[in-house]
Amino acid sequence: MSTMTAEQVAAWREWNRNRWEAVESLKARGLAEMTEDRARQIIERLRLFAPAPPDPFNGEGLVQQQSFFHKCKV
């Protein structure tokens, strides 16, 4: 089993930090350049693997809200 010297550990940490910063800047640049259409395409692809979010305009929210406020008045 090999051990690393303090200098090797410091060099490894610096290399890892630089690599992380490069990846983060690449991701930020990709997000900044993304168009609305591309974002929609990605969301549609991801929805194949996840359940669809509830429709906020199906009226259930209003019914639940009215029920909640009715209980508070009693």
N, C-alpha and C. Protein backbone atom coordinates (compact mmCIF):
# COMPACT_ATOMS: atom_id res chain seq x y z
N MET A 1 0.84 -1.18 0.00
CA MET A 1 0.00 0.00 0.00
C MET A 1 0.88 1.25 0.00
N SER A 2 0.66 2.11 -0.94
CA SER A 2 1.49 3.30 -1.04
C SER A 2 0.81 4.47 -0.32
N THR A 3 1.62 5.32 0.21
CA THR A 3 1.10 6.53 0.86
C THR A 3 1.59 7.73 0.09
N MET A 4 0.80 8.78 0.15
CA MET A 4 1.15 10.00 -0.56
C MET A 4 1.78 10.98 0.41
N THR A 5 2.73 11.71 -0.09
CA THR A 5 3.35 12.75 0.72
C THR A 5 2.41 13.96 0.77
N ALA A 6 2.69 14.87 1.67
CA ALA A 6 1.87 16.08 1.79
C ALA A 6 1.88 16.88 0.49
N GLU A 7 3.02 16.92 -0.19
CA GLU A 7 3.11 17.63 -1.46
C GLU A 7 2.26 16.95 -2.54
N GLN A 8 2.26 15.63 -2.55
CA GLN A 8 1.45 14.91 -3.53
C GLN A 8 -0.04 15.11 -3.28
N VAL A 9 -0.42 15.11 -2.00
CA VAL A 9 -1.81 15.35 -1.66
C VAL A 9 -2.23 16.75 -2.08
N ALA A 10 -1.38 17.74 -1.82
CA ALA A 10 -1.68 19.12 -2.21
C ALA A 10 -1.80 19.24 -3.72
N ALA A 11 -0.89 18.58 -4.45
CA ALA A 11 -0.94 18.64 -5.92
C ALA A 11 -2.21 17.95 -6.44
N TRP A 12 -2.58 16.83 -5.83
CA TRP A 12 -3.79 16.13 -6.25
C TRP A 12 -5.03 16.97 -5.99
N ARG A 13 -5.09 17.61 -4.82
CA ARG A 13 -6.22 18.48 -4.50
C ARG A 13 -6.32 19.65 -5.48
N GLU A 14 -5.19 20.25 -5.82
CA GLU A 14 -5.17 21.36 -6.77
C GLU A 14 -5.64 20.90 -8.15
N TRP A 15 -5.16 19.73 -8.59
CA TRP A 15 -5.58 19.19 -9.88
C TRP A 15 -7.09 18.93 -9.88
N ASN A 16 -7.60 18.35 -8.79
CA ASN A 16 -9.02 18.07 -8.69
C ASN A 16 -9.84 19.36 -8.69
N ARG A 17 -9.40 20.39 -7.98
CA ARG A 17 -10.09 21.67 -7.94
C ARG A 17 -10.14 22.31 -9.32
N ASN A 18 -9.03 22.27 -10.03
CA ASN A 18 -8.98 22.83 -11.38
C ASN A 18 -9.92 22.09 -12.33
N ARG A 19 -9.94 20.77 -12.19
CA ARG A 19 -10.82 19.96 -13.03
C ARG A 19 -12.28 20.30 -12.74
N TRP A 20 -12.64 20.42 -11.46
CA TRP A 20 -14.00 20.75 -11.06
C TRP A 20 -14.40 22.12 -11.61
N GLU A 21 -13.52 23.10 -11.50
CA GLU A 21 -13.83 24.44 -12.01
C GLU A 21 -14.04 24.43 -13.52
N ALA A 22 -13.26 23.62 -14.23
CA ALA A 22 -13.42 23.53 -15.68
C ALA A 22 -14.77 22.92 -16.04
N VAL A 23 -15.16 21.88 -15.34
CA VAL A 23 -16.46 21.24 -15.60
C VAL A 23 -17.59 22.21 -15.29
N GLU A 24 -17.51 22.91 -14.18
CA GLU A 24 -18.56 23.85 -13.80
C GLU A 24 -18.68 24.99 -14.82
N SER A 25 -17.57 25.50 -15.30
CA SER A 25 -17.64 26.59 -16.29
C SER A 25 -18.20 26.08 -17.61
N LEU A 26 -17.89 24.84 -17.98
CA LEU A 26 -18.45 24.24 -19.18
C LEU A 26 -19.96 24.08 -19.04
N LYS A 27 -20.42 23.62 -17.89
CA LYS A 27 -21.86 23.48 -17.67
C LYS A 27 -22.56 24.83 -17.70
N ALA A 28 -21.96 25.84 -17.09
CA ALA A 28 -22.56 27.17 -17.07
C ALA A 28 -22.65 27.74 -18.48
N ARG A 29 -21.62 27.54 -19.27
CA ARG A 29 -21.63 28.02 -20.65
C ARG A 29 -22.72 27.31 -21.45
N GLY A 30 -22.85 26.01 -21.25
CA GLY A 30 -23.88 25.25 -21.95
C GLY A 30 -25.28 25.72 -21.59
N LEU A 31 -25.51 26.00 -20.32
CA LEU A 31 -26.81 26.51 -19.90
C LEU A 31 -27.09 27.90 -20.45
N ALA A 32 -26.07 28.74 -20.50
CA ALA A 32 -26.24 30.09 -21.00
C ALA A 32 -26.57 30.09 -22.50
N GLU A 33 -26.03 29.12 -23.23
CA GLU A 33 -26.25 29.05 -24.67
C GLU A 33 -27.50 28.27 -25.05
N MET A 34 -28.16 27.64 -24.06
CA MET A 34 -29.31 26.80 -24.36
C MET A 34 -30.51 27.63 -24.80
N THR A 35 -31.17 27.18 -25.83
CA THR A 35 -32.38 27.86 -26.31
C THR A 35 -33.60 27.26 -25.62
N GLU A 36 -34.72 27.95 -25.72
CA GLU A 36 -35.96 27.45 -25.15
C GLU A 36 -36.37 26.13 -25.80
N ASP A 37 -36.18 26.03 -27.11
CA ASP A 37 -36.55 24.79 -27.81
C ASP A 37 -35.72 23.61 -27.33
N ARG A 38 -34.43 23.84 -27.14
CA ARG A 38 -33.56 22.76 -26.66
C ARG A 38 -33.96 22.35 -25.24
N ALA A 39 -34.30 23.30 -24.41
CA ALA A 39 -34.74 22.99 -23.05
C ALA A 39 -36.01 22.16 -23.07
N ARG A 40 -36.94 22.51 -23.95
CA ARG A 40 -38.18 21.73 -24.09
C ARG A 40 -37.90 20.30 -24.54
N GLN A 41 -36.97 20.15 -25.48
CA GLN A 41 -36.61 18.81 -25.95
C GLN A 41 -36.06 17.96 -24.80
N ILE A 42 -35.21 18.54 -23.99
CA ILE A 42 -34.62 17.81 -22.87
C ILE A 42 -35.70 17.42 -21.87
N ILE A 43 -36.59 18.35 -21.58
CA ILE A 43 -37.66 18.07 -20.62
C ILE A 43 -38.56 16.95 -21.15
N GLU A 44 -38.89 16.99 -22.42
CA GLU A 44 -39.74 15.95 -23.00
C GLU A 44 -39.06 14.58 -22.94
N ARG A 45 -37.76 14.55 -23.19
CA ARG A 45 -37.04 13.27 -23.10
C ARG A 45 -37.03 12.74 -21.68
N LEU A 46 -36.86 13.63 -20.71
CA LEU A 46 -36.82 13.20 -19.31
C LEU A 46 -38.19 12.73 -18.82
N ARG A 47 -39.25 13.28 -19.37
CA ARG A 47 -40.59 12.88 -18.95
C ARG A 47 -40.90 11.44 -19.31
N LEU A 48 -40.15 10.86 -20.22
CA LEU A 48 -40.36 9.45 -20.55
C LEU A 48 -40.06 8.56 -19.35
N PHE A 49 -39.22 9.04 -18.43
CA PHE A 49 -38.78 8.23 -17.30
C PHE A 49 -39.36 8.69 -15.98
N ALA A 50 -40.15 9.73 -15.98
CA ALA A 50 -40.71 10.26 -14.74
C ALA A 50 -42.21 10.49 -14.93
N PRO A 51 -42.96 10.39 -13.86
CA PRO A 51 -44.40 10.66 -13.99
C PRO A 51 -44.63 12.13 -14.34
N ALA A 52 -45.70 12.37 -15.06
CA ALA A 52 -46.03 13.74 -15.44
C ALA A 52 -46.44 14.53 -14.20
N PRO A 53 -46.02 15.77 -14.10
CA PRO A 53 -46.41 16.58 -12.95
C PRO A 53 -47.92 16.84 -12.99
N PRO A 54 -48.53 17.05 -11.83
CA PRO A 54 -49.96 17.32 -11.83
C PRO A 54 -50.28 18.62 -12.57
N ASP A 55 -51.40 18.63 -13.22
CA ASP A 55 -51.82 19.80 -13.98
C ASP A 55 -52.34 20.85 -13.00
N PRO A 56 -51.69 22.00 -12.87
CA PRO A 56 -52.14 22.98 -11.89
C PRO A 56 -53.47 23.63 -12.26
N PHE A 57 -53.94 23.44 -13.48
CA PHE A 57 -55.17 24.08 -13.93
C PHE A 57 -56.35 23.11 -14.03
N ASN A 58 -56.26 21.98 -13.31
CA ASN A 58 -57.35 21.01 -13.40
C ASN A 58 -58.48 21.31 -12.42
N GLY A 59 -58.37 22.35 -11.62
CA GLY A 59 -59.43 22.75 -10.71
C GLY A 59 -59.35 22.13 -9.34
N GLU A 60 -58.57 21.07 -9.17
CA GLU A 60 -58.50 20.42 -7.88
C GLU A 60 -57.91 21.33 -6.81
N GLY A 61 -56.97 22.14 -7.18
CA GLY A 61 -56.35 23.03 -6.21
C GLY A 61 -57.35 23.99 -5.60
N LEU A 62 -58.24 24.51 -6.41
CA LEU A 62 -59.25 25.44 -5.92
C LEU A 62 -60.20 24.73 -4.97
N VAL A 63 -60.60 23.51 -5.32
CA VAL A 63 -61.50 22.74 -4.45
C VAL A 63 -60.83 22.47 -3.12
N GLN A 64 -59.56 22.07 -3.16
CA GLN A 64 -58.84 21.80 -1.92
C GLN A 64 -58.69 23.08 -1.10
N GLN A 65 -58.42 24.18 -1.74
CA GLN A 65 -58.28 25.45 -1.04
C GLN A 65 -59.59 25.84 -0.37
N GLN A 66 -60.70 25.72 -1.10
CA GLN A 66 -62.00 26.07 -0.53
C GLN A 66 -62.34 25.16 0.65
N SER A 67 -62.02 23.89 0.53
CA SER A 67 -62.26 22.95 1.62
C SER A 67 -61.45 23.35 2.85
N PHE A 68 -60.20 23.71 2.66
CA PHE A 68 -59.35 24.10 3.76
C PHE A 68 -59.90 25.34 4.48
N PHE A 69 -60.28 26.36 3.71
CA PHE A 69 -60.80 27.58 4.32
C PHE A 69 -62.16 27.36 4.97
N HIS A 70 -62.94 26.47 4.43
CA HIS A 70 -64.23 26.16 5.04
C HIS A 70 -64.03 25.52 6.41
N LYS A 71 -63.03 24.63 6.52
CA LYS A 71 -62.73 24.00 7.81
C LYS A 71 -62.25 25.02 8.82
N CYS A 72 -61.54 26.03 8.38
CA CYS A 72 -61.02 27.04 9.30
C CYS A 72 -62.12 27.94 9.83
N LYS A 73 -63.18 28.14 9.07
CA LYS A 73 -64.26 29.01 9.50
C LYS A 73 -65.12 28.36 10.56
N VAL A 74 -65.21 27.06 10.56
CA VAL A 74 -66.10 26.34 11.48
C VAL A 74 -65.55 26.34 12.88
